[in-house]
PDBML (XML) file of the C-alpha atoms, coordinates in Angstrom:
<?xml version="1.0" encoding="UTF-8" ?>
<PDBx:datablock datablockName="MODEL"
   xmlns:PDBx="http://pdbml.pdb.org/schema/pdbx-v50.xsd"
   xmlns:xsi="http://www.w3.org/2001/XMLSchema-instance"
   xsi:schemaLocation="http://pdbml.pdb.org/schema/pdbx-v50.xsd pdbx-v50.xsd">
   <PDBx:atom_siteCategory>
      <PDBx:atom_site id="1">
         <PDBx:B_iso_or_equiv>0.00</PDBx:B_iso_or_equiv>
         <PDBx:Cartn_x>-175.421</PDBx:Cartn_x>
         <PDBx:Cartn_y>-11.547</PDBx:Cartn_y>
         <PDBx:Cartn_z>-66.246</PDBx:Cartn_z>
         <PDBx:auth_asym_id>A</PDBx:auth_asym_id>
         <PDBx:auth_atom_id>CA</PDBx:auth_atom_id>
         <PDBx:auth_comp_id>UNK</PDBx:auth_comp_id>
         <PDBx:auth_seq_id>1</PDBx:auth_seq_id>
         <PDBx:group_PDB>ATOM</PDBx:group_PDB>
         <PDBx:label_alt_id xsi:nil="true" />
         <PDBx:label_asym_id>A</PDBx:label_asym_id>
         <PDBx:label_atom_id>CA</PDBx:label_atom_id>
         <PDBx:label_comp_id>UNK</PDBx:label_comp_id>
         <PDBx:label_entity_id>1</PDBx:label_entity_id>
         <PDBx:label_seq_id>1</PDBx:label_seq_id>
         <PDBx:occupancy>1.00</PDBx:occupancy>
         <PDBx:pdbx_PDB_model_num>1</PDBx:pdbx_PDB_model_num>
         <PDBx:type_symbol>C</PDBx:type_symbol>
      </PDBx:atom_site>
      <PDBx:atom_site id="2">
         <PDBx:B_iso_or_equiv>0.00</PDBx:B_iso_or_equiv>
         <PDBx:Cartn_x>-177.220</PDBx:Cartn_x>
         <PDBx:Cartn_y>-13.125</PDBx:Cartn_y>
         <PDBx:Cartn_z>-63.263</PDBx:Cartn_z>
         <PDBx:auth_asym_id>A</PDBx:auth_asym_id>
         <PDBx:auth_atom_id>CA</PDBx:auth_atom_id>
         <PDBx:auth_comp_id>UNK</PDBx:auth_comp_id>
         <PDBx:auth_seq_id>2</PDBx:auth_seq_id>
         <PDBx:group_PDB>ATOM</PDBx:group_PDB>
         <PDBx:label_alt_id xsi:nil="true" />
         <PDBx:label_asym_id>A</PDBx:label_asym_id>
         <PDBx:label_atom_id>CA</PDBx:label_atom_id>
         <PDBx:label_comp_id>UNK</PDBx:label_comp_id>
         <PDBx:label_entity_id>1</PDBx:label_entity_id>
         <PDBx:label_seq_id>2</PDBx:label_seq_id>
         <PDBx:occupancy>1.00</PDBx:occupancy>
         <PDBx:pdbx_PDB_model_num>1</PDBx:pdbx_PDB_model_num>
         <PDBx:type_symbol>C</PDBx:type_symbol>
      </PDBx:atom_site>
      <PDBx:atom_site id="3">
         <PDBx:B_iso_or_equiv>0.00</PDBx:B_iso_or_equiv>
         <PDBx:Cartn_x>-173.956</PDBx:Cartn_x>
         <PDBx:Cartn_y>-14.557</PDBx:Cartn_y>
         <PDBx:Cartn_z>-61.998</PDBx:Cartn_z>
         <PDBx:auth_asym_id>A</PDBx:auth_asym_id>
         <PDBx:auth_atom_id>CA</PDBx:auth_atom_id>
         <PDBx:auth_comp_id>UNK</PDBx:auth_comp_id>
         <PDBx:auth_seq_id>3</PDBx:auth_seq_id>
         <PDBx:group_PDB>ATOM</PDBx:group_PDB>
         <PDBx:label_alt_id xsi:nil="true" />
         <PDBx:label_asym_id>A</PDBx:label_asym_id>
         <PDBx:label_atom_id>CA</PDBx:label_atom_id>
         <PDBx:label_comp_id>UNK</PDBx:label_comp_id>
         <PDBx:label_entity_id>1</PDBx:label_entity_id>
         <PDBx:label_seq_id>3</PDBx:label_seq_id>
         <PDBx:occupancy>1.00</PDBx:occupancy>
         <PDBx:pdbx_PDB_model_num>1</PDBx:pdbx_PDB_model_num>
         <PDBx:type_symbol>C</PDBx:type_symbol>
      </PDBx:atom_site>
      <PDBx:atom_site id="4">
         <PDBx:B_iso_or_equiv>0.00</PDBx:B_iso_or_equiv>
         <PDBx:Cartn_x>-172.188</PDBx:Cartn_x>
         <PDBx:Cartn_y>-11.228</PDBx:Cartn_y>
         <PDBx:Cartn_z>-62.487</PDBx:Cartn_z>
         <PDBx:auth_asym_id>A</PDBx:auth_asym_id>
         <PDBx:auth_atom_id>CA</PDBx:auth_atom_id>
         <PDBx:auth_comp_id>UNK</PDBx:auth_comp_id>
         <PDBx:auth_seq_id>4</PDBx:auth_seq_id>
         <PDBx:group_PDB>ATOM</PDBx:group_PDB>
         <PDBx:label_alt_id xsi:nil="true" />
         <PDBx:label_asym_id>A</PDBx:label_asym_id>
         <PDBx:label_atom_id>CA</PDBx:label_atom_id>
         <PDBx:label_comp_id>UNK</PDBx:label_comp_id>
         <PDBx:label_entity_id>1</PDBx:label_entity_id>
         <PDBx:label_seq_id>4</PDBx:label_seq_id>
         <PDBx:occupancy>1.00</PDBx:occupancy>
         <PDBx:pdbx_PDB_model_num>1</PDBx:pdbx_PDB_model_num>
         <PDBx:type_symbol>C</PDBx:type_symbol>
      </PDBx:atom_site>
      <PDBx:atom_site id="5">
         <PDBx:B_iso_or_equiv>0.00</PDBx:B_iso_or_equiv>
         <PDBx:Cartn_x>-174.958</PDBx:Cartn_x>
         <PDBx:Cartn_y>-9.462</PDBx:Cartn_y>
         <PDBx:Cartn_z>-60.542</PDBx:Cartn_z>
         <PDBx:auth_asym_id>A</PDBx:auth_asym_id>
         <PDBx:auth_atom_id>CA</PDBx:auth_atom_id>
         <PDBx:auth_comp_id>UNK</PDBx:auth_comp_id>
         <PDBx:auth_seq_id>5</PDBx:auth_seq_id>
         <PDBx:group_PDB>ATOM</PDBx:group_PDB>
         <PDBx:label_alt_id xsi:nil="true" />
         <PDBx:label_asym_id>A</PDBx:label_asym_id>
         <PDBx:label_atom_id>CA</PDBx:label_atom_id>
         <PDBx:label_comp_id>UNK</PDBx:label_comp_id>
         <PDBx:label_entity_id>1</PDBx:label_entity_id>
         <PDBx:label_seq_id>5</PDBx:label_seq_id>
         <PDBx:occupancy>1.00</PDBx:occupancy>
         <PDBx:pdbx_PDB_model_num>1</PDBx:pdbx_PDB_model_num>
         <PDBx:type_symbol>C</PDBx:type_symbol>
      </PDBx:atom_site>
      <PDBx:atom_site id="6">
         <PDBx:B_iso_or_equiv>0.00</PDBx:B_iso_or_equiv>
         <PDBx:Cartn_x>-174.582</PDBx:Cartn_x>
         <PDBx:Cartn_y>-11.872</PDBx:Cartn_y>
         <PDBx:Cartn_z>-57.626</PDBx:Cartn_z>
         <PDBx:auth_asym_id>A</PDBx:auth_asym_id>
         <PDBx:auth_atom_id>CA</PDBx:auth_atom_id>
         <PDBx:auth_comp_id>UNK</PDBx:auth_comp_id>
         <PDBx:auth_seq_id>6</PDBx:auth_seq_id>
         <PDBx:group_PDB>ATOM</PDBx:group_PDB>
         <PDBx:label_alt_id xsi:nil="true" />
         <PDBx:label_asym_id>A</PDBx:label_asym_id>
         <PDBx:label_atom_id>CA</PDBx:label_atom_id>
         <PDBx:label_comp_id>UNK</PDBx:label_comp_id>
         <PDBx:label_entity_id>1</PDBx:label_entity_id>
         <PDBx:label_seq_id>6</PDBx:label_seq_id>
         <PDBx:occupancy>1.00</PDBx:occupancy>
         <PDBx:pdbx_PDB_model_num>1</PDBx:pdbx_PDB_model_num>
         <PDBx:type_symbol>C</PDBx:type_symbol>
      </PDBx:atom_site>
      <PDBx:atom_site id="7">
         <PDBx:B_iso_or_equiv>0.00</PDBx:B_iso_or_equiv>
         <PDBx:Cartn_x>-170.802</PDBx:Cartn_x>
         <PDBx:Cartn_y>-11.487</PDBx:Cartn_y>
         <PDBx:Cartn_z>-57.681</PDBx:Cartn_z>
         <PDBx:auth_asym_id>A</PDBx:auth_asym_id>
         <PDBx:auth_atom_id>CA</PDBx:auth_atom_id>
         <PDBx:auth_comp_id>UNK</PDBx:auth_comp_id>
         <PDBx:auth_seq_id>7</PDBx:auth_seq_id>
         <PDBx:group_PDB>ATOM</PDBx:group_PDB>
         <PDBx:label_alt_id xsi:nil="true" />
         <PDBx:label_asym_id>A</PDBx:label_asym_id>
         <PDBx:label_atom_id>CA</PDBx:label_atom_id>
         <PDBx:label_comp_id>UNK</PDBx:label_comp_id>
         <PDBx:label_entity_id>1</PDBx:label_entity_id>
         <PDBx:label_seq_id>7</PDBx:label_seq_id>
         <PDBx:occupancy>1.00</PDBx:occupancy>
         <PDBx:pdbx_PDB_model_num>1</PDBx:pdbx_PDB_model_num>
         <PDBx:type_symbol>C</PDBx:type_symbol>
      </PDBx:atom_site>
      <PDBx:atom_site id="8">
         <PDBx:B_iso_or_equiv>0.00</PDBx:B_iso_or_equiv>
         <PDBx:Cartn_x>-171.195</PDBx:Cartn_x>
         <PDBx:Cartn_y>-7.710</PDBx:Cartn_y>
         <PDBx:Cartn_z>-57.345</PDBx:Cartn_z>
         <PDBx:auth_asym_id>A</PDBx:auth_asym_id>
         <PDBx:auth_atom_id>CA</PDBx:auth_atom_id>
         <PDBx:auth_comp_id>UNK</PDBx:auth_comp_id>
         <PDBx:auth_seq_id>8</PDBx:auth_seq_id>
         <PDBx:group_PDB>ATOM</PDBx:group_PDB>
         <PDBx:label_alt_id xsi:nil="true" />
         <PDBx:label_asym_id>A</PDBx:label_asym_id>
         <PDBx:label_atom_id>CA</PDBx:label_atom_id>
         <PDBx:label_comp_id>UNK</PDBx:label_comp_id>
         <PDBx:label_entity_id>1</PDBx:label_entity_id>
         <PDBx:label_seq_id>8</PDBx:label_seq_id>
         <PDBx:occupancy>1.00</PDBx:occupancy>
         <PDBx:pdbx_PDB_model_num>1</PDBx:pdbx_PDB_model_num>
         <PDBx:type_symbol>C</PDBx:type_symbol>
      </PDBx:atom_site>
      <PDBx:atom_site id="9">
         <PDBx:B_iso_or_equiv>0.00</PDBx:B_iso_or_equiv>
         <PDBx:Cartn_x>-173.183</PDBx:Cartn_x>
         <PDBx:Cartn_y>-8.055</PDBx:Cartn_y>
         <PDBx:Cartn_z>-54.110</PDBx:Cartn_z>
         <PDBx:auth_asym_id>A</PDBx:auth_asym_id>
         <PDBx:auth_atom_id>CA</PDBx:auth_atom_id>
         <PDBx:auth_comp_id>UNK</PDBx:auth_comp_id>
         <PDBx:auth_seq_id>9</PDBx:auth_seq_id>
         <PDBx:group_PDB>ATOM</PDBx:group_PDB>
         <PDBx:label_alt_id xsi:nil="true" />
         <PDBx:label_asym_id>A</PDBx:label_asym_id>
         <PDBx:label_atom_id>CA</PDBx:label_atom_id>
         <PDBx:label_comp_id>UNK</PDBx:label_comp_id>
         <PDBx:label_entity_id>1</PDBx:label_entity_id>
         <PDBx:label_seq_id>9</PDBx:label_seq_id>
         <PDBx:occupancy>1.00</PDBx:occupancy>
         <PDBx:pdbx_PDB_model_num>1</PDBx:pdbx_PDB_model_num>
         <PDBx:type_symbol>C</PDBx:type_symbol>
      </PDBx:atom_site>
      <PDBx:atom_site id="10">
         <PDBx:B_iso_or_equiv>0.00</PDBx:B_iso_or_equiv>
         <PDBx:Cartn_x>-170.397</PDBx:Cartn_x>
         <PDBx:Cartn_y>-8.010</PDBx:Cartn_y>
         <PDBx:Cartn_z>-51.487</PDBx:Cartn_z>
         <PDBx:auth_asym_id>A</PDBx:auth_asym_id>
         <PDBx:auth_atom_id>CA</PDBx:auth_atom_id>
         <PDBx:auth_comp_id>UNK</PDBx:auth_comp_id>
         <PDBx:auth_seq_id>10</PDBx:auth_seq_id>
         <PDBx:group_PDB>ATOM</PDBx:group_PDB>
         <PDBx:label_alt_id xsi:nil="true" />
         <PDBx:label_asym_id>A</PDBx:label_asym_id>
         <PDBx:label_atom_id>CA</PDBx:label_atom_id>
         <PDBx:label_comp_id>UNK</PDBx:label_comp_id>
         <PDBx:label_entity_id>1</PDBx:label_entity_id>
         <PDBx:label_seq_id>10</PDBx:label_seq_id>
         <PDBx:occupancy>1.00</PDBx:occupancy>
         <PDBx:pdbx_PDB_model_num>1</PDBx:pdbx_PDB_model_num>
         <PDBx:type_symbol>C</PDBx:type_symbol>
      </PDBx:atom_site>
      <PDBx:atom_site id="11">
         <PDBx:B_iso_or_equiv>0.00</PDBx:B_iso_or_equiv>
         <PDBx:Cartn_x>-168.797</PDBx:Cartn_x>
         <PDBx:Cartn_y>-4.747</PDBx:Cartn_y>
         <PDBx:Cartn_z>-50.477</PDBx:Cartn_z>
         <PDBx:auth_asym_id>A</PDBx:auth_asym_id>
         <PDBx:auth_atom_id>CA</PDBx:auth_atom_id>
         <PDBx:auth_comp_id>UNK</PDBx:auth_comp_id>
         <PDBx:auth_seq_id>11</PDBx:auth_seq_id>
         <PDBx:group_PDB>ATOM</PDBx:group_PDB>
         <PDBx:label_alt_id xsi:nil="true" />
         <PDBx:label_asym_id>A</PDBx:label_asym_id>
         <PDBx:label_atom_id>CA</PDBx:label_atom_id>
         <PDBx:label_comp_id>UNK</PDBx:label_comp_id>
         <PDBx:label_entity_id>1</PDBx:label_entity_id>
         <PDBx:label_seq_id>11</PDBx:label_seq_id>
         <PDBx:occupancy>1.00</PDBx:occupancy>
         <PDBx:pdbx_PDB_model_num>1</PDBx:pdbx_PDB_model_num>
         <PDBx:type_symbol>C</PDBx:type_symbol>
      </PDBx:atom_site>
      <PDBx:atom_site id="12">
         <PDBx:B_iso_or_equiv>0.00</PDBx:B_iso_or_equiv>
         <PDBx:Cartn_x>-165.173</PDBx:Cartn_x>
         <PDBx:Cartn_y>-4.125</PDBx:Cartn_y>
         <PDBx:Cartn_z>-51.505</PDBx:Cartn_z>
         <PDBx:auth_asym_id>A</PDBx:auth_asym_id>
         <PDBx:auth_atom_id>CA</PDBx:auth_atom_id>
         <PDBx:auth_comp_id>UNK</PDBx:auth_comp_id>
         <PDBx:auth_seq_id>12</PDBx:auth_seq_id>
         <PDBx:group_PDB>ATOM</PDBx:group_PDB>
         <PDBx:label_alt_id xsi:nil="true" />
         <PDBx:label_asym_id>A</PDBx:label_asym_id>
         <PDBx:label_atom_id>CA</PDBx:label_atom_id>
         <PDBx:label_comp_id>UNK</PDBx:label_comp_id>
         <PDBx:label_entity_id>1</PDBx:label_entity_id>
         <PDBx:label_seq_id>12</PDBx:label_seq_id>
         <PDBx:occupancy>1.00</PDBx:occupancy>
         <PDBx:pdbx_PDB_model_num>1</PDBx:pdbx_PDB_model_num>
         <PDBx:type_symbol>C</PDBx:type_symbol>
      </PDBx:atom_site>
      <PDBx:atom_site id="13">
         <PDBx:B_iso_or_equiv>0.00</PDBx:B_iso_or_equiv>
         <PDBx:Cartn_x>-163.864</PDBx:Cartn_x>
         <PDBx:Cartn_y>-4.664</PDBx:Cartn_y>
         <PDBx:Cartn_z>-47.968</PDBx:Cartn_z>
         <PDBx:auth_asym_id>A</PDBx:auth_asym_id>
         <PDBx:auth_atom_id>CA</PDBx:auth_atom_id>
         <PDBx:auth_comp_id>UNK</PDBx:auth_comp_id>
         <PDBx:auth_seq_id>13</PDBx:auth_seq_id>
         <PDBx:group_PDB>ATOM</PDBx:group_PDB>
         <PDBx:label_alt_id xsi:nil="true" />
         <PDBx:label_asym_id>A</PDBx:label_asym_id>
         <PDBx:label_atom_id>CA</PDBx:label_atom_id>
         <PDBx:label_comp_id>UNK</PDBx:label_comp_id>
         <PDBx:label_entity_id>1</PDBx:label_entity_id>
         <PDBx:label_seq_id>13</PDBx:label_seq_id>
         <PDBx:occupancy>1.00</PDBx:occupancy>
         <PDBx:pdbx_PDB_model_num>1</PDBx:pdbx_PDB_model_num>
         <PDBx:type_symbol>C</PDBx:type_symbol>
      </PDBx:atom_site>
      <PDBx:atom_site id="14">
         <PDBx:B_iso_or_equiv>0.00</PDBx:B_iso_or_equiv>
         <PDBx:Cartn_x>-165.423</PDBx:Cartn_x>
         <PDBx:Cartn_y>-8.102</PDBx:Cartn_y>
         <PDBx:Cartn_z>-47.469</PDBx:Cartn_z>
         <PDBx:auth_asym_id>A</PDBx:auth_asym_id>
         <PDBx:auth_atom_id>CA</PDBx:auth_atom_id>
         <PDBx:auth_comp_id>UNK</PDBx:auth_comp_id>
         <PDBx:auth_seq_id>14</PDBx:auth_seq_id>
         <PDBx:group_PDB>ATOM</PDBx:group_PDB>
         <PDBx:label_alt_id xsi:nil="true" />
         <PDBx:label_asym_id>A</PDBx:label_asym_id>
         <PDBx:label_atom_id>CA</PDBx:label_atom_id>
         <PDBx:label_comp_id>UNK</PDBx:label_comp_id>
         <PDBx:label_entity_id>1</PDBx:label_entity_id>
         <PDBx:label_seq_id>14</PDBx:label_seq_id>
         <PDBx:occupancy>1.00</PDBx:occupancy>
         <PDBx:pdbx_PDB_model_num>1</PDBx:pdbx_PDB_model_num>
         <PDBx:type_symbol>C</PDBx:type_symbol>
      </PDBx:atom_site>
      <PDBx:atom_site id="15">
         <PDBx:B_iso_or_equiv>0.00</PDBx:B_iso_or_equiv>
         <PDBx:Cartn_x>-162.862</PDBx:Cartn_x>
         <PDBx:Cartn_y>-10.929</PDBx:Cartn_y>
         <PDBx:Cartn_z>-47.535</PDBx:Cartn_z>
         <PDBx:auth_asym_id>A</PDBx:auth_asym_id>
         <PDBx:auth_atom_id>CA</PDBx:auth_atom_id>
         <PDBx:auth_comp_id>UNK</PDBx:auth_comp_id>
         <PDBx:auth_seq_id>15</PDBx:auth_seq_id>
         <PDBx:group_PDB>ATOM</PDBx:group_PDB>
         <PDBx:label_alt_id xsi:nil="true" />
         <PDBx:label_asym_id>A</PDBx:label_asym_id>
         <PDBx:label_atom_id>CA</PDBx:label_atom_id>
         <PDBx:label_comp_id>UNK</PDBx:label_comp_id>
         <PDBx:label_entity_id>1</PDBx:label_entity_id>
         <PDBx:label_seq_id>15</PDBx:label_seq_id>
         <PDBx:occupancy>1.00</PDBx:occupancy>
         <PDBx:pdbx_PDB_model_num>1</PDBx:pdbx_PDB_model_num>
         <PDBx:type_symbol>C</PDBx:type_symbol>
      </PDBx:atom_site>
      <PDBx:atom_site id="16">
         <PDBx:B_iso_or_equiv>0.00</PDBx:B_iso_or_equiv>
         <PDBx:Cartn_x>-163.229</PDBx:Cartn_x>
         <PDBx:Cartn_y>-13.840</PDBx:Cartn_y>
         <PDBx:Cartn_z>-49.939</PDBx:Cartn_z>
         <PDBx:auth_asym_id>A</PDBx:auth_asym_id>
         <PDBx:auth_atom_id>CA</PDBx:auth_atom_id>
         <PDBx:auth_comp_id>UNK</PDBx:auth_comp_id>
         <PDBx:auth_seq_id>16</PDBx:auth_seq_id>
         <PDBx:group_PDB>ATOM</PDBx:group_PDB>
         <PDBx:label_alt_id xsi:nil="true" />
         <PDBx:label_asym_id>A</PDBx:label_asym_id>
         <PDBx:label_atom_id>CA</PDBx:label_atom_id>
         <PDBx:label_comp_id>UNK</PDBx:label_comp_id>
         <PDBx:label_entity_id>1</PDBx:label_entity_id>
         <PDBx:label_seq_id>16</PDBx:label_seq_id>
         <PDBx:occupancy>1.00</PDBx:occupancy>
         <PDBx:pdbx_PDB_model_num>1</PDBx:pdbx_PDB_model_num>
         <PDBx:type_symbol>C</PDBx:type_symbol>
      </PDBx:atom_site>
      <PDBx:atom_site id="17">
         <PDBx:B_iso_or_equiv>0.00</PDBx:B_iso_or_equiv>
         <PDBx:Cartn_x>-164.710</PDBx:Cartn_x>
         <PDBx:Cartn_y>-16.467</PDBx:Cartn_y>
         <PDBx:Cartn_z>-47.618</PDBx:Cartn_z>
         <PDBx:auth_asym_id>A</PDBx:auth_asym_id>
         <PDBx:auth_atom_id>CA</PDBx:auth_atom_id>
         <PDBx:auth_comp_id>UNK</PDBx:auth_comp_id>
         <PDBx:auth_seq_id>17</PDBx:auth_seq_id>
         <PDBx:group_PDB>ATOM</PDBx:group_PDB>
         <PDBx:label_alt_id xsi:nil="true" />
         <PDBx:label_asym_id>A</PDBx:label_asym_id>
         <PDBx:label_atom_id>CA</PDBx:label_atom_id>
         <PDBx:label_comp_id>UNK</PDBx:label_comp_id>
         <PDBx:label_entity_id>1</PDBx:label_entity_id>
         <PDBx:label_seq_id>17</PDBx:label_seq_id>
         <PDBx:occupancy>1.00</PDBx:occupancy>
         <PDBx:pdbx_PDB_model_num>1</PDBx:pdbx_PDB_model_num>
         <PDBx:type_symbol>C</PDBx:type_symbol>
      </PDBx:atom_site>
      <PDBx:atom_site id="18">
         <PDBx:B_iso_or_equiv>0.00</PDBx:B_iso_or_equiv>
         <PDBx:Cartn_x>-167.140</PDBx:Cartn_x>
         <PDBx:Cartn_y>-14.023</PDBx:Cartn_y>
         <PDBx:Cartn_z>-45.990</PDBx:Cartn_z>
         <PDBx:auth_asym_id>A</PDBx:auth_asym_id>
         <PDBx:auth_atom_id>CA</PDBx:auth_atom_id>
         <PDBx:auth_comp_id>UNK</PDBx:auth_comp_id>
         <PDBx:auth_seq_id>18</PDBx:auth_seq_id>
         <PDBx:group_PDB>ATOM</PDBx:group_PDB>
         <PDBx:label_alt_id xsi:nil="true" />
         <PDBx:label_asym_id>A</PDBx:label_asym_id>
         <PDBx:label_atom_id>CA</PDBx:label_atom_id>
         <PDBx:label_comp_id>UNK</PDBx:label_comp_id>
         <PDBx:label_entity_id>1</PDBx:label_entity_id>
         <PDBx:label_seq_id>18</PDBx:label_seq_id>
         <PDBx:occupancy>1.00</PDBx:occupancy>
         <PDBx:pdbx_PDB_model_num>1</PDBx:pdbx_PDB_model_num>
         <PDBx:type_symbol>C</PDBx:type_symbol>
      </PDBx:atom_site>
      <PDBx:atom_site id="19">
         <PDBx:B_iso_or_equiv>0.00</PDBx:B_iso_or_equiv>
         <PDBx:Cartn_x>-168.224</PDBx:Cartn_x>
         <PDBx:Cartn_y>-12.676</PDBx:Cartn_y>
         <PDBx:Cartn_z>-49.379</PDBx:Cartn_z>
         <PDBx:auth_asym_id>A</PDBx:auth_asym_id>
         <PDBx:auth_atom_id>CA</PDBx:auth_atom_id>
         <PDBx:auth_comp_id>UNK</PDBx:auth_comp_id>
         <PDBx:auth_seq_id>19</PDBx:auth_seq_id>
         <PDBx:group_PDB>ATOM</PDBx:group_PDB>
         <PDBx:label_alt_id xsi:nil="true" />
         <PDBx:label_asym_id>A</PDBx:label_asym_id>
         <PDBx:label_atom_id>CA</PDBx:label_atom_id>
         <PDBx:label_comp_id>UNK</PDBx:label_comp_id>
         <PDBx:label_entity_id>1</PDBx:label_entity_id>
         <PDBx:label_seq_id>19</PDBx:label_seq_id>
         <PDBx:occupancy>1.00</PDBx:occupancy>
         <PDBx:pdbx_PDB_model_num>1</PDBx:pdbx_PDB_model_num>
         <PDBx:type_symbol>C</PDBx:type_symbol>
      </PDBx:atom_site>
      <PDBx:atom_site id="20">
         <PDBx:B_iso_or_equiv>0.00</PDBx:B_iso_or_equiv>
         <PDBx:Cartn_x>-169.002</PDBx:Cartn_x>
         <PDBx:Cartn_y>-16.228</PDBx:Cartn_y>
         <PDBx:Cartn_z>-50.424</PDBx:Cartn_z>
         <PDBx:auth_asym_id>A</PDBx:auth_asym_id>
         <PDBx:auth_atom_id>CA</PDBx:auth_atom_id>
         <PDBx:auth_comp_id>UNK</PDBx:auth_comp_id>
         <PDBx:auth_seq_id>20</PDBx:auth_seq_id>
         <PDBx:group_PDB>ATOM</PDBx:group_PDB>
         <PDBx:label_alt_id xsi:nil="true" />
         <PDBx:label_asym_id>A</PDBx:label_asym_id>
         <PDBx:label_atom_id>CA</PDBx:label_atom_id>
         <PDBx:label_comp_id>UNK</PDBx:label_comp_id>
         <PDBx:label_entity_id>1</PDBx:label_entity_id>
         <PDBx:label_seq_id>20</PDBx:label_seq_id>
         <PDBx:occupancy>1.00</PDBx:occupancy>
         <PDBx:pdbx_PDB_model_num>1</PDBx:pdbx_PDB_model_num>
         <PDBx:type_symbol>C</PDBx:type_symbol>
      </PDBx:atom_site>
      <PDBx:atom_site id="21">
         <PDBx:B_iso_or_equiv>0.00</PDBx:B_iso_or_equiv>
         <PDBx:Cartn_x>-172.078</PDBx:Cartn_x>
         <PDBx:Cartn_y>-16.408</PDBx:Cartn_y>
         <PDBx:Cartn_z>-48.165</PDBx:Cartn_z>
         <PDBx:auth_asym_id>A</PDBx:auth_asym_id>
         <PDBx:auth_atom_id>CA</PDBx:auth_atom_id>
         <PDBx:auth_comp_id>UNK</PDBx:auth_comp_id>
         <PDBx:auth_seq_id>21</PDBx:auth_seq_id>
         <PDBx:group_PDB>ATOM</PDBx:group_PDB>
         <PDBx:label_alt_id xsi:nil="true" />
         <PDBx:label_asym_id>A</PDBx:label_asym_id>
         <PDBx:label_atom_id>CA</PDBx:label_atom_id>
         <PDBx:label_comp_id>UNK</PDBx:label_comp_id>
         <PDBx:label_entity_id>1</PDBx:label_entity_id>
         <PDBx:label_seq_id>21</PDBx:label_seq_id>
         <PDBx:occupancy>1.00</PDBx:occupancy>
         <PDBx:pdbx_PDB_model_num>1</PDBx:pdbx_PDB_model_num>
         <PDBx:type_symbol>C</PDBx:type_symbol>
      </PDBx:atom_site>
      <PDBx:atom_site id="22">
         <PDBx:B_iso_or_equiv>0.00</PDBx:B_iso_or_equiv>
         <PDBx:Cartn_x>-173.435</PDBx:Cartn_x>
         <PDBx:Cartn_y>-13.100</PDBx:Cartn_y>
         <PDBx:Cartn_z>-49.457</PDBx:Cartn_z>
         <PDBx:auth_asym_id>A</PDBx:auth_asym_id>
         <PDBx:auth_atom_id>CA</PDBx:auth_atom_id>
         <PDBx:auth_comp_id>UNK</PDBx:auth_comp_id>
         <PDBx:auth_seq_id>22</PDBx:auth_seq_id>
         <PDBx:group_PDB>ATOM</PDBx:group_PDB>
         <PDBx:label_alt_id xsi:nil="true" />
         <PDBx:label_asym_id>A</PDBx:label_asym_id>
         <PDBx:label_atom_id>CA</PDBx:label_atom_id>
         <PDBx:label_comp_id>UNK</PDBx:label_comp_id>
         <PDBx:label_entity_id>1</PDBx:label_entity_id>
         <PDBx:label_seq_id>22</PDBx:label_seq_id>
         <PDBx:occupancy>1.00</PDBx:occupancy>
         <PDBx:pdbx_PDB_model_num>1</PDBx:pdbx_PDB_model_num>
         <PDBx:type_symbol>C</PDBx:type_symbol>
      </PDBx:atom_site>
      <PDBx:atom_site id="23">
         <PDBx:B_iso_or_equiv>0.00</PDBx:B_iso_or_equiv>
         <PDBx:Cartn_x>-172.978</PDBx:Cartn_x>
         <PDBx:Cartn_y>-14.143</PDBx:Cartn_y>
         <PDBx:Cartn_z>-53.080</PDBx:Cartn_z>
         <PDBx:auth_asym_id>A</PDBx:auth_asym_id>
         <PDBx:auth_atom_id>CA</PDBx:auth_atom_id>
         <PDBx:auth_comp_id>UNK</PDBx:auth_comp_id>
         <PDBx:auth_seq_id>23</PDBx:auth_seq_id>
         <PDBx:group_PDB>ATOM</PDBx:group_PDB>
         <PDBx:label_alt_id xsi:nil="true" />
         <PDBx:label_asym_id>A</PDBx:label_asym_id>
         <PDBx:label_atom_id>CA</PDBx:label_atom_id>
         <PDBx:label_comp_id>UNK</PDBx:label_comp_id>
         <PDBx:label_entity_id>1</PDBx:label_entity_id>
         <PDBx:label_seq_id>23</PDBx:label_seq_id>
         <PDBx:occupancy>1.00</PDBx:occupancy>
         <PDBx:pdbx_PDB_model_num>1</PDBx:pdbx_PDB_model_num>
         <PDBx:type_symbol>C</PDBx:type_symbol>
      </PDBx:atom_site>
      <PDBx:atom_site id="24">
         <PDBx:B_iso_or_equiv>0.00</PDBx:B_iso_or_equiv>
         <PDBx:Cartn_x>-174.722</PDBx:Cartn_x>
         <PDBx:Cartn_y>-17.474</PDBx:Cartn_y>
         <PDBx:Cartn_z>-52.482</PDBx:Cartn_z>
         <PDBx:auth_asym_id>A</PDBx:auth_asym_id>
         <PDBx:auth_atom_id>CA</PDBx:auth_atom_id>
         <PDBx:auth_comp_id>UNK</PDBx:auth_comp_id>
         <PDBx:auth_seq_id>24</PDBx:auth_seq_id>
         <PDBx:group_PDB>ATOM</PDBx:group_PDB>
         <PDBx:label_alt_id xsi:nil="true" />
         <PDBx:label_asym_id>A</PDBx:label_asym_id>
         <PDBx:label_atom_id>CA</PDBx:label_atom_id>
         <PDBx:label_comp_id>UNK</PDBx:label_comp_id>
         <PDBx:label_entity_id>1</PDBx:label_entity_id>
         <PDBx:label_seq_id>24</PDBx:label_seq_id>
         <PDBx:occupancy>1.00</PDBx:occupancy>
         <PDBx:pdbx_PDB_model_num>1</PDBx:pdbx_PDB_model_num>
         <PDBx:type_symbol>C</PDBx:type_symbol>
      </PDBx:atom_site>
      <PDBx:atom_site id="25">
         <PDBx:B_iso_or_equiv>0.00</PDBx:B_iso_or_equiv>
         <PDBx:Cartn_x>-177.688</PDBx:Cartn_x>
         <PDBx:Cartn_y>-15.740</PDBx:Cartn_y>
         <PDBx:Cartn_z>-50.840</PDBx:Cartn_z>
         <PDBx:auth_asym_id>A</PDBx:auth_asym_id>
         <PDBx:auth_atom_id>CA</PDBx:auth_atom_id>
         <PDBx:auth_comp_id>UNK</PDBx:auth_comp_id>
         <PDBx:auth_seq_id>25</PDBx:auth_seq_id>
         <PDBx:group_PDB>ATOM</PDBx:group_PDB>
         <PDBx:label_alt_id xsi:nil="true" />
         <PDBx:label_asym_id>A</PDBx:label_asym_id>
         <PDBx:label_atom_id>CA</PDBx:label_atom_id>
         <PDBx:label_comp_id>UNK</PDBx:label_comp_id>
         <PDBx:label_entity_id>1</PDBx:label_entity_id>
         <PDBx:label_seq_id>25</PDBx:label_seq_id>
         <PDBx:occupancy>1.00</PDBx:occupancy>
         <PDBx:pdbx_PDB_model_num>1</PDBx:pdbx_PDB_model_num>
         <PDBx:type_symbol>C</PDBx:type_symbol>
      </PDBx:atom_site>
   </PDBx:atom_siteCategory>
</PDBx:datablock>
């Protein structure tokens, strides 16, 4: 559930590699 919560962080328009930084943070 923690991982799923982090994966939901980026907005829908953020591309994969940019979303990666937001998910890590």
